[in-house]
Protein backbone atom coordinates (compact mmCIF):
# COMPACT_ATOMS: atom_id res chain seq x y z
CA MET A 1 8.70 9.01 -21.32
CA VAL A 2 11.38 11.54 -22.17
CA LEU A 3 11.84 15.11 -20.99
CA LEU A 4 11.83 17.87 -23.59
CA GLY A 5 15.55 18.52 -23.08
CA GLU A 6 16.37 14.95 -24.11
CA LEU A 7 13.77 14.92 -26.89
CA ARG A 8 15.27 18.07 -28.44
CA LYS A 9 18.43 16.04 -29.24
CA HIS A 10 16.24 14.03 -31.64
CA LEU A 11 14.25 16.88 -33.21
CA PHE A 12 15.44 18.55 -36.40
CA SER A 13 14.38 21.89 -37.83
CA LEU A 14 15.73 24.74 -39.95
CA PRO A 15 16.08 27.85 -37.75
CA GLY A 16 16.82 29.99 -40.81
CA ARG A 17 13.56 28.86 -42.43
CA PRO A 18 11.16 28.61 -39.47
CA GLU A 19 8.15 27.45 -41.54
CA TRP A 20 10.00 24.74 -43.46
CA ILE A 21 10.24 21.10 -42.41
CA PRO A 22 13.62 19.55 -43.25
CA TYR A 23 14.16 16.12 -44.74
CA ARG A 24 16.78 14.11 -42.87
CA THR A 25 17.73 10.46 -43.14
CA SER A 26 19.91 8.14 -41.09
CA TYR A 27 19.67 4.87 -42.98
CA TYR A 28 22.96 3.51 -41.73
CA ASN A 29 22.88 4.75 -38.14
CA GLU A 30 21.01 3.16 -35.27
CA THR A 31 19.36 6.38 -34.20
CA TRP A 32 15.98 8.04 -34.38
CA GLY A 33 14.51 11.48 -34.80
CA PHE A 34 11.67 13.61 -36.10
CA CYS A 35 11.65 16.63 -38.41
CA LEU A 36 9.36 19.59 -37.75
CA SER A 37 9.17 23.30 -38.43
CA HIS A 38 11.31 25.47 -36.19
CA ARG A 39 8.21 27.40 -35.10
CA LYS A 40 6.63 24.20 -33.80
CA LEU A 41 9.85 23.14 -32.14
CA GLU A 42 10.12 26.46 -30.29
CA ALA A 43 6.46 26.21 -29.21
CA LEU A 44 6.82 22.83 -27.47
CA PRO A 45 6.07 23.20 -23.76
CA GLU A 46 8.40 21.81 -21.10
CA GLY A 47 7.39 18.43 -19.75
CA GLU A 48 7.48 14.74 -20.54
CA TYR A 49 6.78 13.29 -23.97
CA GLU A 50 5.95 9.77 -25.02
CA VAL A 51 8.00 8.59 -28.01
CA CYS A 52 7.19 5.51 -30.06
CA VAL A 53 9.31 4.52 -33.06
CA ASP A 54 8.22 1.22 -34.59
CA SER A 55 10.89 0.28 -37.11
CA SER A 56 13.55 -2.29 -37.87
CA LEU A 57 16.96 -2.44 -39.52
CA LYS A 58 17.00 -5.24 -42.04
CA ASP A 59 18.10 -5.96 -45.59
CA GLY A 60 15.78 -4.64 -48.27
CA SER A 61 15.10 -1.53 -50.27
CA LEU A 62 13.30 1.75 -49.89
CA THR A 63 11.71 3.55 -52.79
CA TYR A 64 10.79 7.20 -52.43
CA GLY A 65 10.33 10.27 -54.59
CA GLU A 66 11.02 13.94 -54.30
CA TYR A 67 9.18 16.87 -55.81
CA ILE A 68 10.24 20.51 -55.59
CA ILE A 69 7.43 23.03 -55.71
CA PRO A 70 8.55 26.18 -57.53
CA VAL A 71 8.03 29.38 -55.58
CA SER A 72 6.62 32.15 -57.71
């Protein structure tokens, strides 16, 4: 369990774009975090949160794609 104050150190948002969810990586750092909209971040109530990150650092590859949706 982690208090919101500690959890906030691991939450990433874009205050200038409160509806957007950022994309952040840390492939080469032994750290963890979650991305969410700034509106959701600001709406989190004080209290304890359960955090579960099930991952490993090992040799291999990661394939991913990116698509930008044009705004009209």
